[in-house]
């Protein structure tokens, strides 16, 4: 992809080293489609998903880890069992539900999904918080700190590795998601992930000719944020994932 993104639009065969680099392919990739509109939609979806993915599951993880409630372990077991349900198994029921609520073609769908939480992310937060000594929480309560203060002043700084892992996972999942935007949004609200599959770069006088190098240049531009986020957050993966599995 990286090599062919610099090929000329009439290069043949497709899989060949470019004799002359064509960086203008990246300019054409942006100007030949409403690139910035698609990018704006991607940022909105990612922002909503990451915000709720971190905060809702952080709160749920704290509740399952520290709060005392009857049947807490039973509810946690039910939550974890939901991880065995494939995501595609709920796609059609979810679409029918949102259609009846008349909220399709709206970013409200991602807000509702985020409020529902994620069993996997909740599990990560809960397992990590189980490793925090209870003496820290008890000392804070003796000093008059309330539950909200304990969550955000003590547990939040300690769970930075898990926050980074959840941020990275949710960013990559929502940034590259194709199915949900295609199901729920009209073309004017598509993010880049869906648009690059549904839109074709063609010659103005011959729509049947696809400009593959420009298509690949657009795909390469689309990959850059994911690569940056991955390399920026990979140092937290080991700490967050390993520590989250130390205590049951």
Foldseek 3Di string as FASTA:
>chain_A
DVQLLQADLPDPPSPDGHPGGHPCLLVCLCPVDVQVLQAVLLVVLLVLQLVLQQPLLLVLLCCLQPNDDPCSVVVLVVLLVCVPPDPVVCPVVLLVVCVVVVQFQHSVSSNVVSNVYHSVLSLLNNLLVNPDDCVVVVVCVVVPDDPVCCSVVPSVVSLVLSSLVSSLVSNVCSLQDQPVCVSRHDPSSHHLNNCLVVDFDADPVDRVRGSVSSSVSSVVVSCVVSVVSCVVNVVSCCVSVVSSPPGD
